[in-house]
Amino acid sequence: STDRTQPVIVLDHQPYNLSEVNSLSVDFQISGHTHHGQLWPLNLVTDHIFEQSHGYRKLSHSHIWVSSGLSLWGPPFRIGTDSDIAIFDLK
């Protein structure tokens, strides 16, 4: 069981099922996987596949952050997207 008096933080590799995360009143979810497409125009594809493919979104109960990451998949370069790393100071 989850102690609901404490913040609930979820680390999920892929940002799927965000409405379910929100319905469970998760406070904060951190995800990655998308690389935000890595190559333009693939970022348009990840924007279509994922409810949130990069950056921050506030749902009614949950805060969501999706990182495009530092690394790559496939070709060793990025075009039209940026690598990122986020630092969260949770208090």
Protein backbone atom coordinates (compact mmCIF):
# COMPACT_ATOMS: atom_id res chain seq x y z
CA SER A 1 0.00 0.00 0.00
CA THR A 2 1.06 3.58 -0.62
CA ASP A 3 1.36 6.14 2.15
CA ARG A 4 -0.76 8.93 0.64
CA THR A 5 0.45 11.40 3.28
CA GLN A 6 3.78 11.43 1.41
CA PRO A 7 4.38 12.58 -2.18
CA VAL A 8 4.01 9.79 -4.74
CA ILE A 9 6.77 9.90 -7.37
CA VAL A 10 6.82 7.50 -10.32
CA LEU A 11 9.83 6.81 -12.52
CA ASP A 12 8.57 5.22 -15.73
CA HIS A 13 10.82 4.66 -18.71
CA GLN A 14 8.04 5.44 -21.22
CA PRO A 15 5.41 8.15 -20.79
CA TYR A 16 2.34 6.01 -21.53
CA ASN A 17 -1.04 5.98 -19.73
CA LEU A 18 -0.75 9.45 -18.24
CA SER A 19 -4.50 9.63 -17.66
CA GLU A 20 -4.19 6.53 -15.46
CA VAL A 21 -1.26 8.09 -13.60
CA ASN A 22 -3.39 11.19 -13.07
CA SER A 23 -6.42 9.15 -11.91
CA LEU A 24 -4.20 7.50 -9.28
CA SER A 25 -3.24 10.99 -8.03
CA VAL A 26 0.47 10.44 -8.62
CA ASP A 27 2.16 13.69 -7.66
CA PHE A 28 5.10 13.56 -10.07
CA GLN A 29 6.14 11.23 -12.89
CA ILE A 30 9.53 11.38 -14.56
CA SER A 31 9.94 9.58 -17.89
CA GLY A 32 12.23 9.42 -20.88
CA HIS A 33 12.52 6.99 -23.80
CA THR A 34 11.20 9.29 -26.53
CA HIS A 35 14.47 11.11 -27.38
CA HIS A 36 11.92 13.66 -28.63
CA GLY A 37 12.30 11.99 -32.00
CA GLN A 38 16.06 12.69 -32.19
CA LEU A 39 15.80 13.65 -35.86
CA TRP A 40 13.37 16.18 -37.28
CA PRO A 41 10.59 15.41 -38.32
CA LEU A 42 10.48 12.29 -36.10
CA ASN A 43 9.66 14.58 -33.16
CA LEU A 44 6.27 15.03 -34.85
CA VAL A 45 5.84 11.24 -34.69
CA THR A 46 6.72 11.06 -30.99
CA ASP A 47 4.35 13.97 -30.35
CA HIS A 48 1.62 11.82 -31.93
CA ILE A 49 2.55 8.54 -30.19
CA PHE A 50 2.97 9.94 -26.67
CA GLU A 51 0.54 12.18 -24.80
CA GLN A 52 3.66 14.07 -23.66
CA SER A 53 6.79 13.38 -25.70
CA HIS A 54 9.05 16.02 -24.16
CA GLY A 55 9.08 18.58 -21.38
CA TYR A 56 6.60 19.43 -18.64
CA ARG A 57 2.86 18.95 -18.41
CA LYS A 58 0.52 19.54 -15.49
CA LEU A 59 -2.55 17.34 -15.41
CA SER A 60 -5.31 17.87 -12.85
CA HIS A 61 -3.48 15.87 -10.15
CA SER A 62 -0.09 15.02 -11.59
CA HIS A 63 3.04 16.79 -12.76
CA ILE A 64 4.76 15.02 -15.68
CA TRP A 65 8.30 15.53 -16.93
CA VAL A 66 9.63 13.75 -20.04
CA SER A 67 13.30 14.09 -20.85
CA SER A 68 14.69 13.72 -24.36
CA GLY A 69 17.80 12.34 -22.66
CA LEU A 70 21.47 12.80 -23.23
CA SER A 71 22.08 9.83 -25.45
CA LEU A 72 20.95 8.67 -28.83
CA TRP A 73 19.54 5.61 -30.56
CA GLY A 74 20.53 4.62 -34.08
CA PRO A 75 22.48 7.40 -35.80
CA PRO A 76 25.03 9.19 -33.60
CA PHE A 77 23.59 12.70 -34.06
CA ARG A 78 20.50 14.87 -33.50
CA ILE A 79 18.81 17.20 -35.95
CA GLY A 80 16.08 19.59 -34.79
CA THR A 81 15.98 18.27 -31.21
CA ASP A 82 18.17 18.83 -28.18
CA SER A 83 19.64 16.58 -25.53
CA ASP A 84 18.61 17.49 -22.02
CA ILE A 85 19.06 16.59 -18.41
CA ALA A 86 16.81 17.82 -15.63
CA ILE A 87 17.68 18.41 -12.01
CA PHE A 88 14.75 18.42 -9.59
CA ASP A 89 15.01 19.88 -6.11
CA LEU A 90 12.16 18.16 -4.29
CA LYS A 91 11.23 19.67 -0.95
